[in-house]
Amino acid sequence: MGERRYSKLEEALEIKSLRRIINSYLNYPDAAEADVRRYERSFKKLSPAHKALLSHLPSKFRRLRWCISVNTHFIMSMLQAFEPPFDMSQDIDIDEHGNLKHVSEDHIHTEVSSNSQERDICAGQPVSAAGSIVSGLKSSNFCRGNDVTHSSQKSSNEKKEIHPENLCNSVADKSFTSEHHTESCSSGDDMKVNGDLASCCHDSTDNGNASSPRDLMDPSLGLNVPLVDVDKVRCIIRNIVRDWAAEGQKERDQCYMPILAELNRLFPDRSKERPPCCLVPGAGLGRLALEISCLGFISQGNEFSYYMMICSNFILNHTQVVNEWTIYPWIHSNCNSLSDNDQLRPVSFPDIHPASAGITEGFSMCGGDFVEVYNDESQEAFWDAVVTCFFLDTAHNIVEYIEIISKLLKSGGVWINLGPLLYHFADSYSPDDEMSIELSLEDVKKVAFHYGFEMEIEKIIETTYTANPRSMMQNRYFAAFWTMKKKPVT
């Protein structure tokens, strides 16, 4: 796939998009504080007798503020570790018609994807029609091998960089240390591959215009954003629990274990010299892709959302020990809590240290729109397996997704899928009249058969997605699970 020089307008739109996403993270504490103040205003409206019955609530509000500060500390540490793939300091100005008014002539070559909207990252979560998608957000299209090391190399002064052969360039080792909060808010006391996958495969260390991580803390980035954007940050915090905390083990067992078991069954004799290649579109925070790598596959996760990529980069590349960080993921809603202590309980992560997990050389994460990155001749018949978990319904056109998956697989290759059909663009009543093809499960399978797949295993798996296990309300999915094989070419 040849390299492409992106226009100044395309790069400016990417920078504008990423600034908005960073602003969403930076606005997290203010938005959370606004919620607490709303609780306090409601409390003040109570009669004296009712206040006396609920005299513990002011203490709860103080505890909430402490929990918010702990979450904020993690978010700021995560942002400081993030290296954008282009210069974030550029002075850009885009008019109401989408035309670029001002931009430096020096910044026109960054390799990023274009024409891709930031989709709803709260996959599997019920969302309002108005809040299901933020129009106009884009995601950079860049690809990096993660600087995680095998446990046997941990004592070495040199980190073993991951070079996904024929996939994308790895980034250099970046060290990161930070103190972290370990206090609990749940107490009753007051809290005093080297190759050419695509132009998407961008090595941020080679970009002379890359921003310093601390540039992201510039006050000019601290602009107000819609609350729906900040809610995506809260979704990320819940996704951390699903992928990287002990509390998320039940969901991982329900969703990931059947997939891993199928890969084990279908590839029983995995060669260390020539491991099978597995692609994981919609990889989220990267746990499933990492688990597949630990099975002995060259595993590549693909993720579209910058919200996800910023966080997965931090967990995969910058965490040092098990349970290094603590967050309070359930503080953002007072609804359906059995107790205040349940709502304010801490969650530590990561439950495993990625660098010590026993990954297979070649593990990587590639950022960008699935269609743009993988609908290319260089990717045809390259992959032994494609794994999709809570991914298919993120498509504007699910037929296109299935067609590309078929092209990606070798003859006899395997497609393992698990997920519902909660189409993400079904209720996005935007002025752009976005495409949304919403098929039944029966029709999805018909499309798959048309593109050369044959069903091997099929069943329904009951599961949740980023659910609070102690909540009085559990949104459960009866997710479709299947293994299909691409028919050999005759």
Protein backbone atom coordinates (compact mmCIF):
# COMPACT_ATOMS: atom_id res chain seq x y z
CA MET A 1 0.00 0.00 0.00
CA GLY A 2 1.58 3.29 -1.09
CA GLU A 3 2.06 6.28 1.14
CA ARG A 4 -0.22 9.24 0.79
CA ARG A 5 0.39 12.90 1.51
CA TYR A 6 -2.60 14.23 3.34
CA SER A 7 -3.89 17.71 2.70
CA LYS A 8 -3.55 20.51 5.20
CA LEU A 9 -7.31 20.43 5.69
CA GLU A 10 -7.35 16.70 6.45
CA GLU A 11 -4.57 17.07 8.99
CA ALA A 12 -6.24 20.12 10.52
CA LEU A 13 -9.46 18.16 10.94
CA GLU A 14 -7.55 15.34 12.62
CA ILE A 15 -5.91 17.78 15.02
CA LYS A 16 -9.23 19.44 15.77
CA SER A 17 -10.76 16.05 16.48
CA LEU A 18 -7.97 14.93 18.78
CA ARG A 19 -8.05 18.23 20.65
CA ARG A 20 -11.73 17.70 21.31
CA ILE A 21 -11.10 14.21 22.63
CA ILE A 22 -8.27 15.41 24.87
CA ASN A 23 -10.57 18.19 26.05
CA SER A 24 -13.12 15.54 26.99
CA TYR A 25 -10.56 13.92 29.28
CA LEU A 26 -9.48 17.29 30.68
CA ASN A 27 -13.10 18.23 31.39
CA TYR A 28 -13.75 15.06 33.37
CA PRO A 29 -13.16 16.57 36.85
CA ASP A 30 -15.26 19.67 36.18
CA ALA A 31 -18.16 17.63 34.84
CA ALA A 32 -17.97 15.26 37.81
CA GLU A 33 -17.81 18.19 40.23
CA ALA A 34 -20.91 19.68 38.58
CA ASP A 35 -22.76 16.44 39.35
CA VAL A 36 -21.76 16.58 43.01
CA ARG A 37 -22.89 20.18 43.26
CA ARG A 38 -26.22 19.17 41.79
CA TYR A 39 -26.57 16.51 44.47
CA GLU A 40 -25.76 19.12 47.11
CA ARG A 41 -28.33 21.57 45.75
CA SER A 42 -31.00 18.88 45.90
CA PHE A 43 -30.00 18.01 49.47
CA LYS A 44 -30.29 21.66 50.53
CA LYS A 45 -33.89 21.73 49.30
CA LEU A 46 -34.91 19.09 51.83
CA SER A 47 -36.82 19.99 54.95
CA PRO A 48 -34.84 19.91 58.22
CA ALA A 49 -36.53 16.66 59.21
CA HIS A 50 -35.60 14.97 55.94
CA LYS A 51 -32.04 16.30 56.15
CA ALA A 52 -31.74 14.73 59.58
CA LEU A 53 -32.76 11.36 58.14
CA LEU A 54 -30.05 11.67 55.48
CA SER A 55 -27.35 13.30 57.56
CA HIS A 56 -24.69 11.03 56.06
CA LEU A 57 -25.05 12.50 52.56
CA PRO A 58 -22.69 15.50 53.04
CA SER A 59 -20.02 12.99 54.04
CA LYS A 60 -20.78 10.96 50.91
CA PHE A 61 -20.37 14.07 48.77
CA ARG A 62 -16.93 14.68 50.25
CA ARG A 63 -15.99 11.07 49.56
CA LEU A 64 -17.22 11.46 45.98
CA ARG A 65 -14.90 14.41 45.48
CA TRP A 66 -11.98 12.35 46.69
CA CYS A 67 -12.86 9.56 44.26
CA ILE A 68 -13.06 12.10 41.44
CA SER A 69 -9.60 13.37 42.33
CA VAL A 70 -8.18 9.84 42.18
CA ASN A 71 -9.76 9.21 38.77
CA THR A 72 -8.46 12.57 37.58
CA HIS A 73 -4.93 11.73 38.68
CA PHE A 74 -5.02 8.59 36.55
CA ILE A 75 -6.44 10.47 33.55
CA MET A 76 -3.76 13.17 33.72
CA SER A 77 -1.00 10.57 34.04
CA MET A 78 -2.43 8.75 31.04
CA LEU A 79 -2.54 11.92 28.94
CA GLN A 80 1.02 12.82 29.84
CA ALA A 81 2.16 9.42 28.54
CA PHE A 82 0.34 9.86 25.23
CA GLU A 83 2.34 10.99 22.21
CA PRO A 84 0.14 12.34 19.41
CA PRO A 85 1.16 11.33 15.90
CA PHE A 86 1.30 14.95 14.79
CA ASP A 87 2.07 18.43 16.07
CA MET A 88 -0.77 19.51 18.36
CA SER A 89 0.59 23.06 18.71
CA GLN A 90 -0.42 24.08 15.20
CA ASP A 91 -2.62 27.14 14.91
CA ILE A 92 -5.57 25.96 12.85
CA ASP A 93 -8.82 27.66 11.97
CA ILE A 94 -11.64 25.94 10.12
CA ASP A 95 -14.63 28.01 9.04
CA GLU A 96 -18.28 27.04 9.26
CA HIS A 97 -18.11 25.55 5.75
CA GLY A 98 -15.26 23.20 6.67
CA ASN A 99 -12.61 25.23 4.87
CA LEU A 100 -9.16 25.73 6.33
CA LYS A 101 -8.42 29.39 7.04
CA HIS A 102 -4.94 29.26 8.57
CA VAL A 103 -2.32 26.57 9.06
CA SER A 104 1.45 26.46 9.02
CA GLU A 105 2.97 25.35 5.72
CA ASP A 106 5.40 23.12 7.62
CA HIS A 107 2.76 20.63 8.73
CA ILE A 108 1.25 18.89 5.74
CA HIS A 109 2.72 15.40 5.73
CA THR A 110 1.37 13.56 8.75
CA GLU A 111 0.16 10.06 7.88
CA VAL A 112 -3.33 9.83 9.29
CA SER A 113 -6.63 8.47 8.16
CA SER A 114 -9.35 10.76 6.91
CA ASN A 115 -13.10 10.73 6.54
CA SER A 116 -13.72 8.64 9.64
CA GLN A 117 -16.06 9.56 12.45
CA GLU A 118 -15.42 8.77 16.08
CA ARG A 119 -18.04 6.12 16.77
CA ASP A 120 -19.87 5.52 20.01
CA ILE A 121 -17.33 3.80 22.22
CA CYS A 122 -19.84 2.65 24.82
CA ALA A 123 -20.38 -0.53 22.83
CA GLY A 124 -23.29 -2.54 24.07
CA GLN A 125 -24.55 0.25 26.30
CA PRO A 126 -28.03 1.69 25.85
CA VAL A 127 -27.71 5.28 24.68
CA SER A 128 -30.18 7.97 23.82
CA ALA A 129 -30.73 8.89 20.23
CA ALA A 130 -29.23 12.29 20.86
CA GLY A 131 -26.18 10.90 22.58
CA SER A 132 -25.35 7.95 20.43
CA ILE A 133 -22.78 9.63 18.21
CA VAL A 134 -20.79 12.82 18.17
CA SER A 135 -20.78 14.12 14.64
CA GLY A 136 -17.56 15.26 13.10
CA LEU A 137 -15.04 13.46 15.29
CA LYS A 138 -12.25 11.69 13.49
CA SER A 139 -9.57 9.27 14.54
CA SER A 140 -5.97 9.20 13.51
CA ASN A 141 -4.86 6.15 11.64
CA PHE A 142 -1.57 5.06 13.10
CA CYS A 143 -0.08 1.78 14.08
CA ARG A 144 2.46 0.75 16.64
CA GLY A 145 3.94 -2.31 18.22
CA ASN A 146 3.66 -2.16 21.97
CA ASP A 147 6.83 -1.93 24.00
CA VAL A 148 5.95 -4.78 26.28
CA THR A 149 8.57 -7.31 27.24
CA HIS A 150 8.48 -10.98 28.01
CA SER A 151 8.80 -11.74 31.72
CA SER A 152 12.08 -13.51 31.15
CA GLN A 153 13.54 -10.26 29.90
CA LYS A 154 12.19 -8.06 32.64
CA SER A 155 15.48 -7.84 34.50
CA SER A 156 17.33 -6.69 31.42
CA ASN A 157 18.10 -3.03 30.90
CA GLU A 158 16.89 -3.36 27.33
CA LYS A 159 13.26 -3.73 26.43
CA LYS A 160 12.35 -6.10 23.64
CA GLU A 161 10.48 -4.04 21.10
CA ILE A 162 7.68 -5.70 19.20
CA HIS A 163 8.23 -5.80 15.45
CA PRO A 164 5.09 -7.15 13.74
CA GLU A 165 6.65 -8.49 10.55
CA ASN A 166 4.97 -7.02 7.48
CA LEU A 167 2.57 -5.11 9.70
CA CYS A 168 3.90 -1.86 11.07
CA ASN A 169 6.81 -0.14 12.75
CA SER A 170 7.23 -0.32 16.48
CA VAL A 171 7.72 2.69 18.68
CA ALA A 172 10.72 3.15 20.88
CA ASP A 173 10.71 2.39 24.58
CA LYS A 174 9.19 5.08 26.77
CA SER A 175 9.63 4.88 30.49
CA PHE A 176 6.95 6.22 32.78
CA THR A 177 6.71 6.29 36.53
CA SER A 178 4.07 7.89 38.69
CA GLU A 179 2.79 7.76 42.19
CA HIS A 180 -0.79 6.65 42.43
CA HIS A 181 -3.61 6.83 44.91
CA THR A 182 -4.44 3.73 46.90
CA GLU A 183 -6.80 5.15 49.49
CA SER A 184 -10.31 3.79 49.45
CA CYS A 185 -13.38 5.98 49.07
CA SER A 186 -15.60 3.21 50.32
CA SER A 187 -14.75 3.81 53.95
CA GLY A 188 -17.39 5.25 56.18
CA ASP A 189 -14.97 7.96 57.32
CA ASP A 190 -14.64 11.34 55.65
CA MET A 191 -11.75 11.52 53.29
CA LYS A 192 -9.20 14.15 54.71
CA VAL A 193 7.03 -5.31 12.62
CA ASN A 194 9.03 -3.60 10.25
CA GLY A 195 7.20 -3.40 6.92
CA ASP A 196 4.65 -1.47 4.96
CA LEU A 197 1.13 -2.28 6.01
CA ALA A 198 -0.11 1.13 4.96
CA SER A 199 0.54 4.77 5.35
CA CYS A 200 -1.45 4.28 8.53
CA CYS A 201 1.48 2.52 10.14
CA HIS A 202 2.95 5.57 11.75
CA ASP A 203 5.93 5.58 14.06
CA SER A 204 5.45 8.60 16.27
CA THR A 205 9.10 8.61 17.29
CA ASP A 206 10.13 9.36 13.71
CA ASN A 207 7.78 12.30 13.36
CA GLY A 208 9.70 15.52 13.74
CA ASN A 209 6.46 17.34 14.40
CA ALA A 210 5.20 15.08 17.18
CA SER A 211 4.00 16.88 20.28
CA SER A 212 5.61 16.56 23.64
CA PRO A 213 3.25 14.74 26.01
CA ARG A 214 3.24 17.79 28.26
CA ASP A 215 1.93 19.92 25.40
CA LEU A 216 -1.38 18.16 26.00
CA MET A 217 -1.59 19.90 29.37
CA ASP A 218 -1.54 23.32 27.69
CA PRO A 219 -4.35 25.46 29.13
CA SER A 220 -5.52 26.24 25.60
CA LEU A 221 -6.73 22.65 25.36
CA GLY A 222 -8.95 23.03 28.41
CA LEU A 223 -12.02 24.09 26.47
CA ASN A 224 -15.55 23.11 27.32
CA VAL A 225 -16.97 20.14 25.44
CA PRO A 226 -20.48 18.66 25.28
CA LEU A 227 -21.35 16.44 28.22
CA VAL A 228 -21.85 13.54 25.82
CA ASP A 229 -18.10 13.72 25.13
CA VAL A 230 -17.26 13.59 28.82
CA ASP A 231 -19.58 10.61 29.15
CA LYS A 232 -17.28 8.77 26.75
CA VAL A 233 -14.50 9.24 29.29
CA ARG A 234 -16.72 7.60 31.90
CA CYS A 235 -17.28 4.75 29.45
CA ILE A 236 -13.52 4.32 29.18
CA ILE A 237 -13.24 4.08 32.96
CA ARG A 238 -15.83 1.28 32.94
CA ASN A 239 -14.03 -0.42 30.05
CA ILE A 240 -10.86 -0.51 32.16
CA VAL A 241 -12.77 -2.66 34.65
CA ARG A 242 -14.01 -4.98 31.88
CA ASP A 243 -10.59 -5.52 30.32
CA TRP A 244 -7.98 -4.99 33.01
CA ALA A 245 -9.42 -5.48 36.51
CA ALA A 246 -10.17 -8.59 38.54
CA GLU A 247 -13.74 -7.34 38.87
CA GLY A 248 -14.15 -7.70 35.09
CA GLN A 249 -13.06 -11.35 35.09
CA LYS A 250 -16.64 -12.64 34.89
CA GLU A 251 -17.36 -10.65 31.73
CA ARG A 252 -14.04 -11.67 30.23
CA ASP A 253 -14.81 -15.31 31.00
CA GLN A 254 -18.19 -14.99 29.29
CA CYS A 255 -16.89 -13.17 26.19
CA TYR A 256 -13.21 -13.94 25.74
CA MET A 257 -12.88 -17.50 27.00
CA PRO A 258 -15.13 -19.05 24.29
CA ILE A 259 -13.07 -17.22 21.65
CA LEU A 260 -9.75 -18.32 23.13
CA ALA A 261 -11.01 -21.90 23.45
CA GLU A 262 -11.96 -21.93 19.76
CA LEU A 263 -8.56 -20.60 18.71
CA ASN A 264 -6.91 -23.32 20.79
CA ARG A 265 -9.10 -25.96 19.20
CA LEU A 266 -8.65 -24.75 15.64
CA PHE A 267 -4.89 -24.14 15.84
CA PRO A 268 -3.64 -26.97 18.07
CA ASP A 269 -0.10 -27.10 16.69
CA ARG A 270 1.09 -23.51 16.71
CA SER A 271 4.63 -23.08 15.46
CA LYS A 272 6.90 -20.68 17.34
CA GLU A 273 8.89 -20.17 14.16
CA ARG A 274 5.82 -19.33 12.06
CA PRO A 275 2.95 -18.45 14.40
CA PRO A 276 -0.51 -18.03 12.93
CA CYS A 277 -1.69 -14.44 12.44
CA CYS A 278 -4.89 -13.21 14.10
CA LEU A 279 -6.57 -9.83 13.58
CA VAL A 280 -8.85 -8.36 16.27
CA PRO A 281 -10.91 -5.45 14.88
CA GLY A 282 -12.59 -3.31 17.52
CA ALA A 283 -9.91 -4.28 20.03
CA GLY A 284 -10.89 -1.62 22.57
CA LEU A 285 -8.39 -1.53 25.42
CA GLY A 286 -6.46 -4.48 24.02
CA ARG A 287 -6.99 -7.30 26.52
CA LEU A 288 -8.45 -9.81 24.07
CA ALA A 289 -5.72 -9.10 21.51
CA LEU A 290 -3.10 -9.58 24.23
CA GLU A 291 -4.67 -12.85 25.42
CA ILE A 292 -4.61 -14.13 21.83
CA SER A 293 -0.94 -13.17 21.59
CA CYS A 294 -0.26 -15.13 24.77
CA LEU A 295 -1.74 -18.21 23.08
CA GLY A 296 1.04 -18.10 20.51
CA PHE A 297 -0.47 -16.00 17.72
CA ILE A 298 0.91 -12.94 15.98
CA SER A 299 -1.97 -10.79 17.17
CA GLN A 300 -2.89 -7.34 15.95
CA GLY A 301 -5.64 -5.30 17.56
CA ASN A 302 -7.32 -2.63 15.49
CA GLU A 303 -9.18 0.20 17.19
CA PHE A 304 -10.91 3.25 15.74
CA SER A 305 -11.56 5.32 18.86
CA TYR A 306 -8.92 7.73 20.10
CA TYR A 307 -10.54 7.52 23.52
CA MET A 308 -9.69 3.83 23.56
CA MET A 309 -6.27 4.15 21.95
CA ILE A 310 -5.01 6.73 24.45
CA CYS A 311 -5.97 4.45 27.34
CA SER A 312 -4.80 1.16 25.82
CA ASN A 313 -1.44 2.72 25.00
CA PHE A 314 -1.00 3.66 28.65
CA ILE A 315 -2.00 0.29 30.07
CA LEU A 316 -0.01 -1.78 27.56
CA ASN A 317 3.14 0.34 27.46
CA HIS A 318 3.37 2.30 30.70
CA THR A 319 2.07 0.21 33.58
CA GLN A 320 4.87 -1.23 35.69
CA VAL A 321 3.31 -3.72 38.11
CA VAL A 322 0.07 -5.56 38.80
CA ASN A 323 -2.65 -3.39 40.38
CA GLU A 324 -0.51 -0.29 40.08
CA TRP A 325 -3.49 2.02 39.64
CA THR A 326 -6.79 2.52 41.44
CA ILE A 327 -9.95 4.06 40.02
CA TYR A 328 -13.54 4.49 41.18
CA PRO A 329 -15.61 3.48 38.14
CA TRP A 330 -19.12 3.42 39.61
CA ILE A 331 -19.29 6.89 41.19
CA HIS A 332 -20.99 8.59 38.25
CA SER A 333 -24.51 7.37 38.96
CA ASN A 334 -26.49 7.16 42.19
CA CYS A 335 -29.06 4.86 40.61
CA ASN A 336 -29.52 1.18 41.47
CA SER A 337 -26.85 1.07 44.19
CA LEU A 338 -27.25 -1.44 46.98
CA SER A 339 -25.18 0.77 49.27
CA ASP A 340 -22.94 3.82 49.18
CA ASN A 341 -19.94 1.61 49.86
CA ASP A 342 -20.78 -0.43 46.76
CA GLN A 343 -21.01 2.70 44.67
CA LEU A 344 -17.75 4.13 46.03
CA ARG A 345 -15.68 0.97 46.02
CA PRO A 346 -12.20 1.11 44.47
CA VAL A 347 -11.05 -1.05 41.58
CA SER A 348 -7.35 -1.73 41.01
CA PHE A 349 -5.74 -2.51 37.68
CA PRO A 350 -4.11 -4.00 35.70
CA ASP A 351 -4.81 -7.45 37.10
CA ILE A 352 -1.91 -8.73 35.00
CA HIS A 353 1.25 -6.91 33.97
CA PRO A 354 1.16 -6.79 30.15
CA ALA A 355 4.95 -6.90 29.88
CA SER A 356 5.04 -10.11 31.92
CA ALA A 357 2.06 -11.85 30.35
CA GLY A 358 4.04 -14.02 27.93
CA ILE A 359 3.11 -12.40 24.63
CA THR A 360 4.21 -13.69 21.24
CA GLU A 361 6.60 -11.49 19.31
CA GLY A 362 4.62 -9.50 16.79
CA PHE A 363 1.85 -8.25 19.07
CA SER A 364 0.68 -4.80 17.95
CA MET A 365 -2.16 -2.30 18.08
CA CYS A 366 -3.16 -0.43 14.94
CA GLY A 367 -5.31 2.68 15.13
CA GLY A 368 -7.73 3.60 12.39
CA ASP A 369 -11.00 2.81 10.68
CA PHE A 370 -11.26 -0.91 9.94
CA VAL A 371 -12.49 -0.36 6.38
CA GLU A 372 -9.84 2.22 5.51
CA VAL A 373 -6.93 0.28 6.99
CA TYR A 374 -7.71 -3.28 5.92
CA ASN A 375 -9.62 -2.91 2.66
CA ASP A 376 -6.37 -3.04 0.75
CA GLU A 377 -4.73 -5.53 -1.60
CA SER A 378 -1.75 -5.94 0.73
CA GLN A 379 -4.07 -7.40 3.36
CA GLU A 380 -5.89 -9.91 1.17
CA ALA A 381 -5.48 -13.54 2.29
CA PHE A 382 -2.93 -12.45 4.90
CA TRP A 383 -4.66 -13.55 8.11
CA ASP A 384 -5.23 -17.03 9.50
CA ALA A 385 -7.97 -15.84 11.84
CA VAL A 386 -10.15 -12.80 12.44
CA VAL A 387 -11.80 -12.35 15.83
CA THR A 388 -14.67 -9.89 16.27
CA CYS A 389 -16.09 -9.27 19.75
CA PHE A 390 -18.83 -6.66 20.15
CA PHE A 391 -17.70 -5.22 16.82
CA LEU A 392 -20.00 -6.06 13.90
CA ASP A 393 -22.75 -3.66 14.96
CA THR A 394 -20.36 -0.69 14.88
CA ALA A 395 -20.59 -0.68 11.09
CA HIS A 396 -22.37 1.81 8.90
CA ASN A 397 -22.55 -1.04 6.41
CA ILE A 398 -22.22 -4.48 7.99
CA VAL A 399 -22.13 -6.08 4.52
CA GLU A 400 -18.89 -4.23 3.82
CA TYR A 401 -17.41 -5.44 7.12
CA ILE A 402 -18.18 -9.06 6.26
CA GLU A 403 -16.86 -8.70 2.71
CA ILE A 404 -13.56 -7.31 4.02
CA ILE A 405 -13.25 -10.02 6.68
CA SER A 406 -13.63 -12.61 3.92
CA LYS A 407 -10.93 -10.91 1.83
CA LEU A 408 -8.55 -10.74 4.77
CA LEU A 409 -8.65 -14.45 5.52
CA LYS A 410 -6.58 -17.10 3.85
CA SER A 411 -8.38 -19.99 2.21
CA GLY A 412 -9.61 -22.12 5.11
CA GLY A 413 -9.15 -19.21 7.51
CA VAL A 414 -11.31 -18.80 10.59
CA TRP A 415 -13.73 -16.06 11.63
CA ILE A 416 -14.81 -16.17 15.28
CA ASN A 417 -17.50 -13.70 16.32
CA LEU A 418 -19.31 -12.82 19.54
CA GLY A 419 -21.69 -9.94 20.01
CA PRO A 420 -25.17 -8.47 19.72
CA LEU A 421 -26.61 -6.43 16.86
CA LEU A 422 -27.11 -3.11 18.65
CA TYR A 423 -26.37 -1.06 15.57
CA HIS A 424 -24.51 2.05 16.66
CA PHE A 425 -25.86 4.34 13.97
CA ALA A 426 -29.45 3.13 14.11
CA ASP A 427 -30.63 6.14 16.12
CA SER A 428 -28.17 8.79 14.99
CA TYR A 429 -30.57 11.35 13.60
CA SER A 430 -27.87 13.62 12.26
CA PRO A 431 -28.33 16.21 9.51
CA ASP A 432 -25.85 14.23 7.42
CA ASP A 433 -28.30 11.31 7.13
CA GLU A 434 -25.62 8.74 7.91
CA MET A 435 -25.87 5.29 6.39
CA SER A 436 -26.94 2.56 8.79
CA ILE A 437 -27.60 -0.94 7.44
CA GLU A 438 -29.36 -2.89 10.19
CA LEU A 439 -29.76 -6.58 9.46
CA SER A 440 -31.25 -9.43 11.45
CA LEU A 441 -28.97 -12.21 12.60
CA GLU A 442 -30.47 -14.44 9.91
CA ASP A 443 -29.57 -11.92 7.22
CA VAL A 444 -26.07 -11.42 8.63
CA LYS A 445 -25.43 -15.14 8.26
CA LYS A 446 -26.81 -15.13 4.71
CA VAL A 447 -24.37 -12.36 3.80
CA ALA A 448 -21.51 -14.33 5.36
CA PHE A 449 -22.43 -17.43 3.38
CA HIS A 450 -22.51 -15.34 0.20
CA TYR A 451 -18.91 -14.27 0.84
CA GLY A 452 -17.66 -17.81 1.10
CA PHE A 453 -18.10 -18.66 4.76
CA GLU A 454 -19.50 -21.89 6.10
CA MET A 455 -20.79 -22.29 9.64
CA GLU A 456 -18.86 -24.61 11.92
CA ILE A 457 -20.14 -23.76 15.41
CA GLU A 458 -23.03 -21.52 16.42
CA LYS A 459 -24.68 -20.73 19.75
CA ILE A 460 -26.04 -17.90 21.91
CA ILE A 461 -24.01 -16.66 24.87
CA GLU A 462 -25.60 -14.61 27.63
CA THR A 463 -23.35 -11.80 28.82
CA THR A 464 -23.08 -8.17 29.90
CA TYR A 465 -20.92 -5.27 28.76
CA THR A 466 -19.11 -3.05 31.29
CA ALA A 467 -21.80 -3.88 33.82
CA ASN A 468 -21.50 -3.04 37.49
CA PRO A 469 -21.80 -6.51 39.06
CA ARG A 470 -23.28 -5.01 42.24
CA SER A 471 -25.91 -2.90 40.50
CA MET A 472 -29.62 -3.55 40.91
CA MET A 473 -29.96 -3.26 37.12
CA GLN A 474 -28.12 -5.56 34.73
CA ASN A 475 -28.41 -5.11 30.96
CA ARG A 476 -27.90 -8.58 29.57
CA TYR A 477 -27.25 -9.59 25.98
CA PHE A 478 -27.96 -12.87 24.27
CA ALA A 479 -24.98 -12.50 22.00
CA ALA A 480 -24.46 -14.45 18.80
CA PHE A 481 -21.36 -16.63 18.90
CA TRP A 482 -20.05 -18.49 15.92
CA THR A 483 -17.04 -19.97 14.24
CA MET A 484 -17.08 -19.77 10.46
CA LYS A 485 -14.46 -20.99 8.03
CA LYS A 486 -13.66 -19.50 4.66
CA LYS A 487 -14.24 -22.18 2.07
CA PRO A 488 -11.07 -23.33 0.33
CA VAL A 489 -10.70 -22.05 -3.20
CA THR A 490 -11.43 -24.86 -5.66
